[in-house]
């Protein structure tokens, strides 16, 4: 697989819709479903889609006069990529350091902890 690159916040918004659609979508569909508090223009969405194509996250297929966009990777694959990047960049590659920080935050429930322990044991 090609080298992935991180997405900007706007690119992520577009991809959240593309992933949720579970089918190829057009620029118009994307535009209709984006956050209305931003003044999205079609040319802006096309620019972001072009960047997503360059980042190997989305692909386009031309059908008639319209381009249809669909993910090249799943949302889960991208989340794993982002998590690896975060651990590498922020925790100097230490998964243990990342997990320690997660515990220090204090947001983990007993159930979360039990599920994590089971997950580690199953590995």
PDB file of N, CA and C in Angstrom:
ATOM      1  N   UNK A   1       0.839  -1.186   0.000  1.00  0.00           N
ATOM      2  CA  UNK A   1       0.000   0.000   0.000  1.00  0.00           C
ATOM      3  C   UNK A   1       0.881   1.245   0.000  1.00  0.00           C
ATOM      4  N   UNK A   2       0.434   2.276  -0.683  1.00  0.00           N
ATOM      5  CA  UNK A   2       1.180   3.520  -0.749  1.00  0.00           C
ATOM      6  C   UNK A   2       1.278   4.151   0.638  1.00  0.00           C
ATOM      7  N   UNK A   3       2.237   5.052   0.787  1.00  0.00           N
ATOM      8  CA  UNK A   3       2.436   5.750   2.048  1.00  0.00           C
ATOM      9  C   UNK A   3       1.272   6.701   2.309  1.00  0.00           C
ATOM     10  N   UNK A   4       0.558   6.474   3.400  1.00  0.00           N
ATOM     11  CA  UNK A   4      -0.547   7.353   3.778  1.00  0.00           C
ATOM     12  C   UNK A   4      -0.010   8.651   4.341  1.00  0.00           C
ATOM     13  N   UNK A   5      -0.839   9.675   4.275  1.00  0.00           N
ATOM     14  CA  UNK A   5      -0.526  10.959   4.882  1.00  0.00           C
ATOM     15  C   UNK A   5      -1.705  11.366   5.749  1.00  0.00           C
ATOM     16  N   UNK A   6      -1.426  12.162   6.764  1.00  0.00           N
ATOM     17  CA  UNK A   6      -2.491  12.614   7.645  1.00  0.00           C
ATOM     18  C   UNK A   6      -3.432  13.569   6.920  1.00  0.00           C
ATOM     19  N   UNK A   7      -4.696  13.544   7.348  1.00  0.00           N
ATOM     20  CA  UNK A   7      -5.717  14.420   6.774  1.00  0.00           C
ATOM     21  C   UNK A   7      -5.858  15.687   7.610  1.00  0.00           C
ATOM     22  N   UNK A   8      -6.269  16.755   6.950  1.00  0.00           N
ATOM     23  CA  UNK A   8      -6.638  17.975   7.661  1.00  0.00           C
ATOM     24  C   UNK A   8      -8.038  17.777   8.248  1.00  0.00           C
ATOM     25  N   UNK A   9      -8.470  18.696   9.083  1.00  0.00           N
ATOM     26  CA  UNK A   9      -9.808  18.621   9.664  1.00  0.00           C
ATOM     27  C   UNK A   9     -10.900  18.637   8.610  1.00  0.00           C
ATOM     28  N   UNK A  10     -10.755  19.470   7.603  1.00  0.00           N
ATOM     29  CA  UNK A  10     -11.758  19.547   6.532  1.00  0.00           C
ATOM     30  C   UNK A  10     -11.776  18.271   5.701  1.00  0.00           C
ATOM     31  N   UNK A  11     -10.598  17.736   5.422  1.00  0.00           N
ATOM     32  CA  UNK A  11     -10.527  16.471   4.681  1.00  0.00           C
ATOM     33  C   UNK A  11     -11.193  15.355   5.485  1.00  0.00           C
ATOM     34  N   UNK A  12     -11.000  15.377   6.790  1.00  0.00           N
ATOM     35  CA  UNK A  12     -11.606  14.360   7.659  1.00  0.00           C
ATOM     36  C   UNK A  12     -13.132  14.460   7.614  1.00  0.00           C
ATOM     37  N   UNK A  13     -13.658  15.683   7.622  1.00  0.00           N
ATOM     38  CA  UNK A  13     -15.117  15.868   7.534  1.00  0.00           C
ATOM     39  C   UNK A  13     -15.665  15.246   6.254  1.00  0.00           C
ATOM     40  N   UNK A  14     -14.981  15.481   5.164  1.00  0.00           N
ATOM     41  CA  UNK A  14     -15.404  14.913   3.879  1.00  0.00           C
ATOM     42  C   UNK A  14     -15.343  13.393   3.942  1.00  0.00           C
ATOM     43  N   UNK A  15     -14.247  12.863   4.468  1.00  0.00           N
ATOM     44  CA  UNK A  15     -14.095  11.410   4.521  1.00  0.00           C
ATOM     45  C   UNK A  15     -15.106  10.754   5.448  1.00  0.00           C
ATOM     46  N   UNK A  16     -15.488  11.421   6.513  1.00  0.00           N
ATOM     47  CA  UNK A  16     -16.503  10.841   7.403  1.00  0.00           C
ATOM     48  C   UNK A  16     -17.796  10.591   6.636  1.00  0.00           C
ATOM     49  N   UNK A  17     -18.159  11.517   5.752  1.00  0.00           N
ATOM     50  CA  UNK A  17     -19.352  11.302   4.929  1.00  0.00           C
ATOM     51  C   UNK A  17     -19.117  10.187   3.912  1.00  0.00           C
ATOM     52  N   UNK A  18     -17.963  10.197   3.254  1.00  0.00           N
ATOM     53  CA  UNK A  18     -17.662   9.179   2.237  1.00  0.00           C
ATOM     54  C   UNK A  18     -17.671   7.786   2.876  1.00  0.00           C
ATOM     55  N   UNK A  19     -17.052   7.640   4.043  1.00  0.00           N
ATOM     56  CA  UNK A  19     -17.055   6.344   4.726  1.00  0.00           C
ATOM     57  C   UNK A  19     -18.472   5.929   5.115  1.00  0.00           C
ATOM     58  N   UNK A  20     -19.244   6.868   5.639  1.00  0.00           N
ATOM     59  CA  UNK A  20     -20.602   6.552   6.102  1.00  0.00           C
ATOM     60  C   UNK A  20     -21.522   6.171   4.947  1.00  0.00           C
ATOM     61  N   UNK A  21     -21.279   6.728   3.771  1.00  0.00           N
ATOM     62  CA  UNK A  21     -22.151   6.474   2.615  1.00  0.00           C
ATOM     63  C   UNK A  21     -22.109   5.008   2.187  1.00  0.00           C
ATOM     64  N   UNK A  22     -20.960   4.372   2.342  1.00  0.00           N
ATOM     65  CA  UNK A  22     -20.774   2.969   1.960  1.00  0.00           C
ATOM     66  C   UNK A  22     -21.091   2.684   0.495  1.00  0.00           C
ATOM     67  N   UNK A  23     -20.919   3.695  -0.332  1.00  0.00           N
ATOM     68  CA  UNK A  23     -21.091   3.575  -1.780  1.00  0.00           C
ATOM     69  C   UNK A  23     -20.384   4.776  -2.400  1.00  0.00           C
ATOM     70  N   UNK A  24     -20.060   4.724  -3.683  1.00  0.00           N
ATOM     71  CA  UNK A  24     -19.452   5.890  -4.328  1.00  0.00           C
ATOM     72  C   UNK A  24     -20.402   7.093  -4.292  1.00  0.00           C
ATOM     73  N   UNK A  25     -19.844   8.278  -4.041  1.00  0.00           N
ATOM     74  CA  UNK A  25     -20.648   9.501  -3.931  1.00  0.00           C
ATOM     75  C   UNK A  25     -20.083  10.593  -4.831  1.00  0.00           C
ATOM     76  N   UNK A  26     -20.944  11.518  -5.215  1.00  0.00           N
ATOM     77  CA  UNK A  26     -20.541  12.641  -6.059  1.00  0.00           C
ATOM     78  C   UNK A  26     -20.175  13.848  -5.199  1.00  0.00           C
ATOM     79  N   UNK A  27     -19.547  14.819  -5.837  1.00  0.00           N
ATOM     80  CA  UNK A  27     -19.210  16.063  -5.158  1.00  0.00           C
ATOM     81  C   UNK A  27     -20.470  16.737  -4.630  1.00  0.00           C
ATOM     82  N   UNK A  28     -21.532  16.737  -5.419  1.00  0.00           N
ATOM     83  CA  UNK A  28     -22.794  17.365  -4.985  1.00  0.00           C
ATOM     84  C   UNK A  28     -23.342  16.719  -3.723  1.00  0.00           C
ATOM     85  N   UNK A  29     -23.291  15.386  -3.664  1.00  0.00           N
ATOM     86  CA  UNK A  29     -23.769  14.687  -2.465  1.00  0.00           C
ATOM     87  C   UNK A  29     -22.932  15.072  -1.247  1.00  0.00           C
ATOM     88  N   UNK A  30     -21.640  15.122  -1.444  1.00  0.00           N
ATOM     89  CA  UNK A  30     -20.748  15.501  -0.350  1.00  0.00           C
ATOM     90  C   UNK A  30     -21.084  16.909   0.112  1.00  0.00           C
ATOM     91  N   UNK A  31     -21.211  17.820  -0.827  1.00  0.00           N
ATOM     92  CA  UNK A  31     -21.505  19.218  -0.523  1.00  0.00           C
ATOM     93  C   UNK A  31     -22.810  19.357   0.259  1.00  0.00           C
ATOM     94  N   UNK A  32     -23.840  18.612  -0.143  1.00  0.00           N
ATOM     95  CA  UNK A  32     -25.142  18.669   0.542  1.00  0.00           C
ATOM     96  C   UNK A  32     -25.074  18.158   1.976  1.00  0.00           C
ATOM     97  N   UNK A  33     -24.125  17.300   2.254  1.00  0.00           N
ATOM     98  CA  UNK A  33     -24.073  16.657   3.563  1.00  0.00           C
ATOM     99  C   UNK A  33     -22.990  17.190   4.494  1.00  0.00           C
ATOM    100  N   UNK A  34     -22.283  18.219   4.079  1.00  0.00           N
ATOM    101  CA  UNK A  34     -21.248  18.793   4.936  1.00  0.00           C
ATOM    102  C   UNK A  34     -21.844  19.796   5.914  1.00  0.00           C
ATOM    103  N   UNK A  35     -21.075  20.114   6.928  1.00  0.00           N
ATOM    104  CA  UNK A  35     -21.473  21.062   7.967  1.00  0.00           C
ATOM    105  C   UNK A  35     -21.917  22.379   7.335  1.00  0.00           C
ATOM    106  N   UNK A  36     -23.174  22.731   7.549  1.00  0.00           N
ATOM    107  CA  UNK A  36     -23.722  23.942   6.924  1.00  0.00           C
ATOM    108  C   UNK A  36     -23.215  25.220   7.586  1.00  0.00           C
ATOM    109  N   UNK A  37     -22.553  25.113   8.738  1.00  0.00           N
ATOM    110  CA  UNK A  37     -22.029  26.317   9.379  1.00  0.00           C
ATOM    111  C   UNK A  37     -20.806  26.857   8.636  1.00  0.00           C
ATOM    112  N   UNK A  38     -20.208  26.019   7.787  1.00  0.00           N
ATOM    113  CA  UNK A  38     -19.100  26.474   6.943  1.00  0.00           C
ATOM    114  C   UNK A  38     -19.658  26.795   5.567  1.00  0.00           C
ATOM    115  N   UNK A  39     -19.101  27.783   4.944  1.00  0.00           N
ATOM    116  CA  UNK A  39     -19.541  28.164   3.595  1.00  0.00           C
ATOM    117  C   UNK A  39     -18.752  27.348   2.569  1.00  0.00           C
ATOM    118  N   UNK A  40     -19.079  26.065   2.449  1.00  0.00           N
ATOM    119  CA  UNK A  40     -18.394  25.185   1.519  1.00  0.00           C
ATOM    120  C   UNK A  40     -18.802  25.530   0.094  1.00  0.00           C
ATOM    121  N   UNK A  41     -17.817  25.628  -0.780  1.00  0.00           N
ATOM    122  CA  UNK A  41     -18.074  25.818  -2.208  1.00  0.00           C
ATOM    123  C   UNK A  41     -17.653  24.545  -2.920  1.00  0.00           C
ATOM    124  N   UNK A  42     -18.250  24.305  -4.072  1.00  0.00           N
ATOM    125  CA  UNK A  42     -17.929  23.090  -4.816  1.00  0.00           C
ATOM    126  C   UNK A  42     -16.441  23.028  -5.151  1.00  0.00           C
ATOM    127  N   UNK A  43     -15.871  24.155  -5.535  1.00  0.00           N
ATOM    128  CA  UNK A  43     -14.443  24.161  -5.887  1.00  0.00           C
ATOM    129  C   UNK A  43     -13.566  23.806  -4.685  1.00  0.00           C
ATOM    130  N   UNK A  44     -13.973  24.226  -3.497  1.00  0.00           N
ATOM    131  CA  UNK A  44     -13.227  23.899  -2.279  1.00  0.00           C
ATOM    132  C   UNK A  44     -13.286  22.403  -2.004  1.00  0.00           C
ATOM    133  N   UNK A  45     -14.476  21.823  -2.131  1.00  0.00           N
ATOM    134  CA  UNK A  45     -14.645  20.386  -1.910  1.00  0.00           C
ATOM    135  C   UNK A  45     -13.813  19.604  -2.922  1.00  0.00           C
ATOM    136  N   UNK A  46     -13.816  20.044  -4.172  1.00  0.00           N
ATOM    137  CA  UNK A  46     -13.021  19.368  -5.209  1.00  0.00           C
ATOM    138  C   UNK A  46     -11.530  19.444  -4.873  1.00  0.00           C
ATOM    139  N   UNK A  47     -11.076  20.589  -4.372  1.00  0.00           N
ATOM    140  CA  UNK A  47      -9.673  20.732  -3.967  1.00  0.00           C
ATOM    141  C   UNK A  47      -9.331  19.734  -2.863  1.00  0.00           C
ATOM    142  N   UNK A  48     -10.198  19.632  -1.854  1.00  0.00           N
ATOM    143  CA  UNK A  48      -9.954  18.673  -0.770  1.00  0.00           C
ATOM    144  C   UNK A  48      -9.980  17.236  -1.288  1.00  0.00           C
ATOM    145  N   UNK A  49     -10.901  16.925  -2.186  1.00  0.00           N
ATOM    146  CA  UNK A  49     -10.966  15.578  -2.760  1.00  0.00           C
ATOM    147  C   UNK A  49      -9.701  15.257  -3.554  1.00  0.00           C
ATOM    148  N   UNK A  50      -9.189  16.240  -4.283  1.00  0.00           N
ATOM    149  CA  UNK A  50      -7.941  16.051  -5.029  1.00  0.00           C
ATOM    150  C   UNK A  50      -6.797  15.735  -4.071  1.00  0.00           C
ATOM    151  N   UNK A  51      -6.742  16.452  -2.956  1.00  0.00           N
ATOM    152  CA  UNK A  51      -5.704  16.174  -1.954  1.00  0.00           C
ATOM    153  C   UNK A  51      -5.864  14.773  -1.370  1.00  0.00           C
ATOM    154  N   UNK A  52      -7.112  14.369  -1.133  1.00  0.00           N
ATOM    155  CA  UNK A  52      -7.367  13.030  -0.590  1.00  0.00           C
ATOM    156  C   UNK A  52      -6.954  11.944  -1.583  1.00  0.00           C
ATOM    157  N   UNK A  53      -7.119  12.221  -2.868  1.00  0.00           N
ATOM    158  CA  UNK A  53      -6.655  11.288  -3.902  1.00  0.00           C
ATOM    159  C   UNK A  53      -5.129  11.200  -3.852  1.00  0.00           C
ATOM    160  N   UNK A  54      -4.458  12.348  -3.763  1.00  0.00           N
ATOM    161  CA  UNK A  54      -2.993  12.382  -3.698  1.00  0.00           C
ATOM    162  C   UNK A  54      -2.460  11.674  -2.456  1.00  0.00           C
ATOM    163  N   UNK A  55      -3.246  11.685  -1.389  1.00  0.00           N
ATOM    164  CA  UNK A  55      -2.850  11.035  -0.133  1.00  0.00           C
ATOM    165  C   UNK A  55      -3.228   9.552  -0.113  1.00  0.00           C
ATOM    166  N   UNK A  56      -3.789   9.061  -1.222  1.00  0.00           N
ATOM    167  CA  UNK A  56      -4.168   7.646  -1.366  1.00  0.00           C
ATOM    168  C   UNK A  56      -5.262   7.222  -0.383  1.00  0.00           C
ATOM    169  N   UNK A  57      -6.149   8.151  -0.043  1.00  0.00           N
ATOM    170  CA  UNK A  57      -7.222   7.858   0.900  1.00  0.00           C
ATOM    171  C   UNK A  57      -8.542   7.648   0.174  1.00  0.00           C
ATOM    172  N   UNK A  58      -8.701   8.314  -0.957  1.00  0.00           N
ATOM    173  CA  UNK A  58      -9.934   8.200  -1.737  1.00  0.00           C
ATOM    174  C   UNK A  58      -9.561   7.985  -3.200  1.00  0.00           C
ATOM    175  N   UNK A  59     -10.475   7.389  -3.955  1.00  0.00           N
ATOM    176  CA  UNK A  59     -10.255   7.260  -5.400  1.00  0.00           C
ATOM    177  C   UNK A  59     -11.489   7.789  -6.118  1.00  0.00           C
ATOM    178  N   UNK A  60     -11.273   8.229  -7.345  1.00  0.00           N
ATOM    179  CA  UNK A  60     -12.357   8.794  -8.150  1.00  0.00           C
ATOM    180  C   UNK A  60     -12.543   7.960  -9.408  1.00  0.00           C
ATOM    181  N   UNK A  61     -13.812   7.804  -9.779  1.00  0.00           N
ATOM    182  CA  UNK A  61     -14.166   7.121 -11.019  1.00  0.00           C
ATOM    183  C   UNK A  61     -15.105   8.041 -11.782  1.00  0.00           C
ATOM    184  N   UNK A  62     -14.756   8.304 -13.032  1.00  0.00           N
ATOM    185  CA  UNK A  62     -15.588   9.182 -13.861  1.00  0.00           C
ATOM    186  C   UNK A  62     -16.694   8.357 -14.506  1.00  0.00           C
ATOM    187  N   UNK A  63     -17.937   8.804 -14.330  1.00  0.00           N
ATOM    188  CA  UNK A  63     -19.104   8.183 -14.961  1.00  0.00           C
ATOM    189  C   UNK A  63     -19.881   9.308 -15.625  1.00  0.00           C
ATOM    190  N   UNK A  64     -19.841   9.332 -16.955  1.00  0.00           N
ATOM    191  CA  UNK A  64     -20.477  10.438 -17.669  1.00  0.00           C
ATOM    192  C   UNK A  64     -19.769  11.737 -17.341  1.00  0.00           C
ATOM    193  N   UNK A  65     -20.528  12.716 -16.850  1.00  0.00           N
ATOM    194  CA  UNK A  65     -19.946  14.017 -16.507  1.00  0.00           C
ATOM    195  C   UNK A  65     -19.576  14.135 -15.032  1.00  0.00           C
ATOM    196  N   UNK A  66     -19.866  13.113 -14.250  1.00  0.00           N
ATOM    197  CA  UNK A  66     -19.643  13.199 -12.802  1.00  0.00           C
ATOM    198  C   UNK A  66     -18.509  12.285 -12.348  1.00  0.00           C
ATOM    199  N   UNK A  67     -17.801  12.747 -11.336  1.00  0.00           N
ATOM    200  CA  UNK A  67     -16.826  11.906 -10.645  1.00  0.00           C
ATOM    201  C   UNK A  67     -17.508  11.290  -9.434  1.00  0.00           C
ATOM    202  N   UNK A  68     -17.266  10.012  -9.228  1.00  0.00           N
ATOM    203  CA  UNK A  68     -17.766   9.323  -8.050  1.00  0.00           C
ATOM    204  C   UNK A  68     -16.569   8.983  -7.172  1.00  0.00           C
ATOM    205  N   UNK A  69     -16.689   9.296  -5.894  1.00  0.00           N
ATOM    206  CA  UNK A  69     -15.583   9.123  -4.954  1.00  0.00           C
ATOM    207  C   UNK A  69     -15.908   8.009  -3.970  1.00  0.00           C
ATOM    208  N   UNK A  70     -14.887   7.194  -3.698  1.00  0.00           N
ATOM    209  CA  UNK A  70     -15.047   6.130  -2.715  1.00  0.00           C
ATOM    210  C   UNK A  70     -13.721   5.928  -1.995  1.00  0.00           C
ATOM    211  N   UNK A  71     -13.777   5.395  -0.791  1.00  0.00           N
ATOM    212  CA  UNK A  71     -12.546   5.231  -0.012  1.00  0.00           C
ATOM    213  C   UNK A  71     -11.618   4.178  -0.607  1.00  0.00           C
ATOM    214  N   UNK A  72     -10.327   4.432  -0.484  1.00  0.00           N
ATOM    215  CA  UNK A  72      -9.331   3.412  -0.828  1.00  0.00           C
ATOM    216  C   UNK A  72      -8.959   2.614   0.412  1.00  0.00           C
ATOM    217  N   UNK A  73      -9.199   3.200   1.571  1.00  0.00           N
ATOM    218  CA  UNK A  73      -8.932   2.513   2.835  1.00  0.00           C
ATOM    219  C   UNK A  73     -10.154   2.672   3.735  1.00  0.00           C
ATOM    220  N   UNK A  74     -10.309   1.754   4.659  1.00  0.00           N
ATOM    221  CA  UNK A  74     -11.440   1.838   5.588  1.00  0.00           C
ATOM    222  C   UNK A  74     -11.152   2.878   6.667  1.00  0.00           C
ATOM    223  N   UNK A  75     -12.203   3.284   7.339  1.00  0.00           N
ATOM    224  CA  UNK A  75     -12.044   4.231   8.438  1.00  0.00           C
ATOM    225  C   UNK A  75     -11.170   3.613   9.534  1.00  0.00           C
ATOM    226  N   UNK A  76     -11.352   2.332   9.799  1.00  0.00           N
ATOM    227  CA  UNK A  76     -10.548   1.641  10.812  1.00  0.00           C
ATOM    228  C   UNK A  76      -9.066   1.636  10.433  1.00  0.00           C
ATOM    229  N   UNK A  77      -8.761   1.384   9.166  1.00  0.00           N
ATOM    230  CA  UNK A  77      -7.362   1.405   8.720  1.00  0.00           C
ATOM    231  C   UNK A  77      -6.755   2.788   8.927  1.00  0.00           C
ATOM    232  N   UNK A  78      -7.538   3.829   8.632  1.00  0.00           N
ATOM    233  CA  UNK A  78      -7.018   5.181   8.813  1.00  0.00           C
ATOM    234  C   UNK A  78      -6.813   5.493  10.293  1.00  0.00           C
ATOM    235  N   UNK A  79      -7.750   5.077  11.143  1.00  0.00           N
ATOM    236  CA  UNK A  79      -7.608   5.319  12.580  1.00  0.00           C
ATOM    237  C   UNK A  79      -6.362   4.626  13.136  1.00  0.00           C
ATOM    238  N   UNK A  80      -6.082   3.420  12.662  1.00  0.00           N
ATOM    239  CA  UNK A  80      -4.864   2.727  13.086  1.00  0.00           C
ATOM    240  C   UNK A  80      -3.616   3.484  12.637  1.00  0.00           C
ATOM    241  N   UNK A  81      -3.649   3.998  11.409  1.00  0.00           N
ATOM    242  CA  UNK A  81      -2.533   4.802  10.898  1.00  0.00           C
ATOM    243  C   UNK A  81      -2.314   6.027  11.787  1.00  0.00           C
ATOM    244  N   UNK A  82      -3.390   6.759  12.093  1.00  0.00           N
ATOM    245  CA  UNK A  82      -3.292   7.964  12.930  1.00  0.00           C
ATOM    246  C   UNK A  82      -2.773   7.616  14.325  1.00  0.00           C
ATOM    247  N   UNK A  83      -3.254   6.506  14.879  1.00  0.00           N
ATOM    248  CA  UNK A  83      -2.824   6.097  16.215  1.00  0.00           C
ATOM    249  C   UNK A  83      -1.336   5.770  16.221  1.00  0.00           C
ATOM    250  N   UNK A  84      -0.876   5.039  15.201  1.00  0.00           N
ATOM    251  CA  UNK A  84       0.563   4.732  15.102  1.00  0.00           C
ATOM    252  C   UNK A  84       1.392   6.017  14.998  1.00  0.00           C
ATOM    253  N   UNK A  85       0.915   6.957  14.184  1.00  0.00           N
ATOM    254  CA  UNK A  85       1.619   8.236  14.036  1.00  0.00           C
ATOM    255  C   UNK A  85       1.690   8.960  15.376  1.00  0.00           C
ATOM    256  N   UNK A  86       0.568   8.991  16.098  1.00  0.00           N
ATOM    257  CA  UNK A  86       0.502   9.671  17.390  1.00  0.00           C
ATOM    258  C   UNK A  86       1.471   9.034  18.385  1.00  0.00           C
ATOM    259  N   UNK A  87       1.463   7.717  18.457  1.00  0.00           N
ATOM    260  CA  UNK A  87       2.371   7.016  19.374  1.00  0.00           C
ATOM    261  C   UNK A  87       3.822   7.301  18.995  1.00  0.00           C
ATOM    262  N   UNK A  88       4.112   7.267  17.707  1.00  0.00           N
ATOM    263  CA  UNK A  88       5.484   7.534  17.246  1.00  0.00           C
ATOM    264  C   UNK A  88       5.906   8.973  17.553  1.00  0.00           C
ATOM    265  N   UNK A  89       5.041   9.937  17.221  1.00  0.00           N
ATOM    266  CA  UNK A  89       5.409  11.346  17.332  1.00  0.00           C
ATOM    267  C   UNK A  89       5.341  11.887  18.762  1.00  0.00           C
ATOM    268  N   UNK A  90       4.307  11.521  19.499  1.00  0.00           N
ATOM    269  CA  UNK A  90       4.089  12.099  20.824  1.00  0.00           C
ATOM    270  C   UNK A  90       4.720  11.256  21.932  1.00  0.00           C
ATOM    271  N   UNK A  91       4.669   9.948  21.781  1.00  0.00           N
ATOM    272  CA  UNK A  91       5.168   9.051  22.830  1.00  0.00           C
ATOM    273  C   UNK A  91       6.484   8.381  22.444  1.00  0.00           C
ATOM    274  N   UNK A  92       7.175   8.965  21.467  1.00  0.00           N
ATOM    275  CA  UNK A  92       8.489   8.476  21.027  1.00  0.00           C
ATOM    276  C   UNK A  92       8.466   6.990  20.691  1.00  0.00           C
ATOM    277  N   UNK A  93       7.347   6.543  20.128  1.00  0.00           N
ATOM    278  CA  UNK A  93       7.225   5.156  19.699  1.00  0.00           C
ATOM    279  C   UNK A  93       6.873   4.175  20.803  1.00  0.00           C
ATOM    280  N   UNK A  94       6.624   4.665  21.999  1.00  0.00           N
ATOM    281  CA  UNK A  94       6.357   3.786  23.139  1.00  0.00           C
ATOM    282  C   UNK A  94       4.855   3.551  23.323  1.00  0.00           C
ATOM    283  N   UNK A  95       4.414   2.347  22.971  1.00  0.00           N
ATOM    284  CA  UNK A  95       3.016   1.988  23.195  1.00  0.00           C
ATOM    285  C   UNK A  95       2.732   1.949  24.692  1.00  0.00           C
ATOM    286  N   UNK A  96       3.703   1.480  25.464  1.00  0.00           N
ATOM    287  CA  UNK A  96       3.547   1.459  26.920  1.00  0.00           C
ATOM    288  C   UNK A  96       3.349   2.881  27.454  1.00  0.00           C
ATOM    289  N   UNK A  97       4.121   3.827  26.950  1.00  0.00           N
ATOM    290  CA  UNK A  97       3.965   5.227  27.354  1.00  0.00           C
ATOM    291  C   UNK A  97       2.591   5.767  26.999  1.00  0.00           C
ATOM    292  N   UNK A  98       2.110   5.383  25.829  1.00  0.00           N
ATOM    293  CA  UNK A  98       0.769   5.791  25.392  1.00  0.00           C
ATOM    294  C   UNK A  98      -0.291   5.235  26.336  1.00  0.00           C
ATOM    295  N   UNK A  99      -0.185   3.932  26.655  1.00  0.00           N
ATOM    296  CA  UNK A  99      -1.164   3.307  27.549  1.00  0.00           C
ATOM    297  C   UNK A  99      -1.090   3.898  28.955  1.00  0.00           C
ATOM    298  N   UNK A 100       0.111   4.221  29.418  1.00  0.00           N
ATOM    299  CA  UNK A 100       0.257   4.858  30.729  1.00  0.00           C
ATOM    300  C   UNK A 100      -0.441   6.210  30.753  1.00  0.00           C
ATOM    301  N   UNK A 101      -0.261   6.976  29.694  1.00  0.00           N
ATOM    302  CA  UNK A 101      -0.926   8.279  29.606  1.00  0.00           C
ATOM    303  C   UNK A 101      -2.438   8.107  29.586  1.00  0.00           C
ATOM    304  N   UNK A 102      -2.904   7.108  28.873  1.00  0.00           N
ATOM    305  CA  UNK A 102      -4.337   6.822  28.811  1.00  0.00           C
ATOM    306  C   UNK A 102      -4.874   6.508  30.211  1.00  0.00           C
ATOM    307  N   UNK A 103      -4.127   5.739  30.974  1.00  0.00           N
ATOM    308  CA  UNK A 103      -4.535   5.421  32.352  1.00  0.00           C
ATOM    309  C   UNK A 103      -4.494   6.666  33.240  1.00  0.00           C
ATOM    310  N   UNK A 104      -3.483   7.509  33.041  1.00  0.00           N
ATOM    311  CA  UNK A 104      -3.337   8.714  33.863  1.00  0.00           C
ATOM    312  C   UNK A 104      -4.470   9.712  33.656  1.00  0.00           C
ATOM    313  N   UNK A 105      -5.059   9.703  32.477  1.00  0.00           N
ATOM    314  CA  UNK A 105      -6.161  10.623  32.194  1.00  0.00           C
ATOM    315  C   UNK A 105      -7.341  10.330  33.116  1.00  0.00           C
ATOM    316  N   UNK A 106      -7.552   9.063  33.418  1.00  0.00           N
ATOM    317  CA  UNK A 106      -8.609   8.686  34.347  1.00  0.00           C
ATOM    318  C   UNK A 106      -9.976   8.481  33.738  1.00  0.00           C
ATOM    319  N   UNK A 107     -10.076   8.453  32.422  1.00  0.00           N
ATOM    320  CA  UNK A 107     -11.371   8.280  31.757  1.00  0.00           C
ATOM    321  C   UNK A 107     -11.756   6.818  31.546  1.00  0.00           C
ATOM    322  N   UNK A 108     -10.866   5.892  31.865  1.00  0.00           N
ATOM    323  CA  UNK A 108     -11.144   4.479  31.626  1.00  0.00           C
ATOM    324  C   UNK A 108     -12.077   3.923  32.702  1.00  0.00           C
ATOM    325  N   UNK A 109     -13.118   3.250  32.259  1.00  0.00           N
ATOM    326  CA  UNK A 109     -14.022   2.585  33.195  1.00  0.00           C
ATOM    327  C   UNK A 109     -13.453   1.208  33.531  1.00  0.00           C
ATOM    328  N   UNK A 110     -14.011   0.577  34.545  1.00  0.00           N
ATOM    329  CA  UNK A 110     -13.592  -0.786  34.892  1.00  0.00           C
ATOM    330  C   UNK A 110     -13.814  -1.718  33.703  1.00  0.00           C
ATOM    331  N   UNK A 111     -14.912  -1.505  33.011  1.00  0.00           N
ATOM    332  CA  UNK A 111     -15.207  -2.326  31.831  1.00  0.00           C
ATOM    333  C   UNK A 111     -14.156  -2.107  30.737  1.00  0.00           C
ATOM    334  N   UNK A 112     -13.793  -0.831  30.500  1.00  0.00           N
ATOM    335  CA  UNK A 112     -12.750  -0.522  29.511  1.00  0.00           C
ATOM    336  C   UNK A 112     -11.460  -1.263  29.851  1.00  0.00           C
ATOM    337  N   UNK A 113     -11.083  -1.210  31.128  1.00  0.00           N
ATOM    338  CA  UNK A 113      -9.843  -1.849  31.574  1.00  0.00           C
ATOM    339  C   UNK A 113      -9.913  -3.359  31.366  1.00  0.00           C
ATOM    340  N   UNK A 114     -11.044  -3.960  31.745  1.00  0.00           N
ATOM    341  CA  UNK A 114     -11.211  -5.407  31.570  1.00  0.00           C
ATOM    342  C   UNK A 114     -11.123  -5.795  30.095  1.00  0.00           C
ATOM    343  N   UNK A 115     -11.742  -4.989  29.217  1.00  0.00           N
ATOM    344  CA  UNK A 115     -11.698  -5.275  27.781  1.00  0.00           C
ATOM    345  C   UNK A 115     -10.283  -5.132  27.230  1.00  0.00           C
ATOM    346  N   UNK A 116      -9.554  -4.125  27.703  1.00  0.00           N
ATOM    347  CA  UNK A 116      -8.171  -3.942  27.256  1.00  0.00           C
ATOM    348  C   UNK A 116      -7.287  -5.098  27.715  1.00  0.00           C
ATOM    349  N   UNK A 117      -7.465  -5.527  28.956  1.00  0.00           N
ATOM    350  CA  UNK A 117      -6.683  -6.659  29.470  1.00  0.00           C
ATOM    351  C   UNK A 117      -6.974  -7.910  28.648  1.00  0.00           C
ATOM    352  N   UNK A 118      -8.250  -8.163  28.378  1.00  0.00           N
ATOM    353  CA  UNK A 118      -8.626  -9.329  27.568  1.00  0.00           C
ATOM    354  C   UNK A 118      -8.027  -9.230  26.174  1.00  0.00           C
ATOM    355  N   UNK A 119      -8.042  -8.045  25.613  1.00  0.00           N
ATOM    356  CA  UNK A 119      -7.492  -7.837  24.266  1.00  0.00           C
ATOM    357  C   UNK A 119      -5.996  -8.116  24.231  1.00  0.00           C
ATOM    358  N   UNK A 120      -5.286  -7.641  25.250  1.00  0.00           N
ATOM    359  CA  UNK A 120      -3.837  -7.864  25.318  1.00  0.00           C
ATOM    360  C   UNK A 120      -3.543  -9.351  25.500  1.00  0.00           C
ATOM    361  N   UNK A 121      -4.312 -10.024  26.337  1.00  0.00           N
ATOM    362  CA  UNK A 121      -4.108 -11.464  26.561  1.00  0.00           C
ATOM    363  C   UNK A 121      -4.372 -12.270  25.294  1.00  0.00           C
ATOM    364  N   UNK A 122      -5.356 -11.857  24.500  1.00  0.00           N
ATOM    365  CA  UNK A 122      -5.692 -12.563  23.256  1.00  0.00           C
ATOM    366  C   UNK A 122      -4.638 -12.382  22.174  1.00  0.00           C
ATOM    367  N   UNK A 123      -3.831 -11.400  22.322  1.00  0.00           N
ATOM    368  CA  UNK A 123      -2.810 -11.079  21.336  1.00  0.00           C
ATOM    369  C   UNK A 123      -1.802 -12.157  21.335  1.00  0.00           C
TER     370      UNK A 123
END
